[in-house]
Amino acid sequence: MKINKQNITIIGLAVGLGLVLLFFGMDKFTQATQQQLFEAFQAGYEQGAVDFVSSLFQQTENCKITPIHLNNLTMSVVDVACVQRPQEQP
């Protein structure tokens, strides 16, 4: 087989098309992977928030004061239904 300019052009175009298709395929794969990671992160975040609130509800049952910690900050939490307001004197 003789290599001439037409064959070189066809080979060049085929390689270029292959590279373009490879680029788009990798881009779609990367987007799908990032979407899966984002969805997993979002589901974990939502589940963590639900678990935290559920735990807080359980810990504050029966008017128990519950400390919560965030880094070096601490706050005590109590159910407002347990707080008695001072009665006003008539």
Protein backbone atom coordinates (compact mmCIF):
# COMPACT_ATOMS: atom_id res chain seq x y z
CA MET A 1 0.00 0.00 0.00
CA LYS A 2 1.34 3.34 -1.01
CA ILE A 3 1.02 6.22 1.46
CA ASN A 4 -0.08 9.36 -0.29
CA LYS A 5 -1.47 12.69 0.84
CA GLN A 6 -5.07 11.47 0.67
CA ASN A 7 -4.37 8.53 3.02
CA ILE A 8 -2.48 10.78 5.43
CA THR A 9 -5.39 13.24 5.44
CA ILE A 10 -7.91 10.45 6.11
CA ILE A 11 -5.77 9.04 8.91
CA GLY A 12 -5.34 12.51 10.41
CA LEU A 13 -9.08 13.18 10.29
CA ALA A 14 -9.84 9.77 11.82
CA VAL A 15 -7.37 10.37 14.66
CA GLY A 16 -8.77 13.87 15.22
CA LEU A 17 -12.34 12.54 15.30
CA GLY A 18 -11.27 9.81 17.72
CA LEU A 19 -9.67 12.37 20.03
CA VAL A 20 -12.78 14.59 19.94
CA LEU A 21 -15.01 11.61 20.74
CA LEU A 22 -12.65 10.56 23.54
CA PHE A 23 -12.74 14.09 24.98
CA PHE A 24 -16.55 14.23 24.98
CA GLY A 25 -16.78 10.72 26.41
CA MET A 26 -14.41 11.59 29.26
CA ASP A 27 -16.31 14.81 29.91
CA LYS A 28 -19.64 12.95 30.17
CA PHE A 29 -18.05 10.31 32.42
CA THR A 30 -16.59 13.00 34.68
CA GLN A 31 -19.92 14.83 34.90
CA ALA A 32 -21.75 11.61 35.78
CA THR A 33 -19.19 10.78 38.46
CA GLN A 34 -19.39 14.28 39.94
CA GLN A 35 -23.19 14.10 39.93
CA GLN A 36 -23.11 10.78 41.81
CA LEU A 37 -20.67 12.19 44.37
CA PHE A 38 -22.83 15.29 44.84
CA GLU A 39 -25.97 13.20 45.31
CA ALA A 40 -24.20 10.99 47.85
CA PHE A 41 -22.92 14.06 49.70
CA GLN A 42 -26.39 15.64 49.68
CA ALA A 43 -28.05 12.45 50.96
CA GLY A 44 -25.44 12.14 53.72
CA TYR A 45 -25.88 15.76 54.74
CA GLU A 46 -29.65 15.43 54.90
CA GLN A 47 -29.44 12.18 56.86
CA GLY A 48 -26.99 13.79 59.29
CA ALA A 49 -29.35 16.70 59.88
CA VAL A 50 -32.28 14.32 60.47
CA ASP A 51 -30.18 12.19 62.84
CA PHE A 52 -29.06 15.28 64.77
CA VAL A 53 -32.57 16.66 65.24
CA SER A 54 -33.93 13.22 66.13
CA SER A 55 -31.17 12.76 68.69
CA LEU A 56 -31.85 16.21 70.13
CA PHE A 57 -35.55 15.38 70.49
CA GLN A 58 -34.71 12.16 72.29
CA GLN A 59 -32.16 13.77 74.59
CA THR A 60 -34.45 16.63 75.62
CA GLU A 61 -37.34 14.35 76.52
CA ASN A 62 -38.53 14.58 80.11
CA CYS A 63 -37.17 18.14 80.40
CA LYS A 64 -33.54 17.03 80.33
CA ILE A 65 -31.04 19.81 79.59
CA THR A 66 -28.77 18.68 76.78
CA PRO A 67 -25.42 20.26 75.88
CA ILE A 68 -24.49 20.61 72.21
CA HIS A 69 -20.94 21.25 71.09
CA LEU A 70 -19.59 22.98 68.00
CA ASN A 71 -15.81 23.27 67.86
CA ASN A 72 -14.96 25.12 71.10
CA LEU A 73 -18.50 26.39 71.73
CA THR A 74 -21.00 24.68 74.00
CA MET A 75 -24.68 25.51 74.44
CA SER A 76 -27.34 23.91 76.61
CA VAL A 77 -30.66 23.09 74.99
CA VAL A 78 -33.97 22.46 76.75
CA ASP A 79 -37.50 21.99 75.44
CA VAL A 80 -39.36 25.30 75.80
CA ALA A 81 -42.41 23.38 77.01
CA CYS A 82 -40.37 22.54 80.12
CA VAL A 83 -39.53 26.15 80.94
CA GLN A 84 -41.97 27.55 83.49
CA ARG A 85 -42.72 31.21 83.22
CA PRO A 86 -42.90 33.10 86.46
CA GLN A 87 -46.49 33.86 87.33
CA GLU A 88 -47.38 37.52 87.37
CA GLN A 89 -48.53 38.95 90.66
CA PRO A 90 -51.96 40.65 90.43
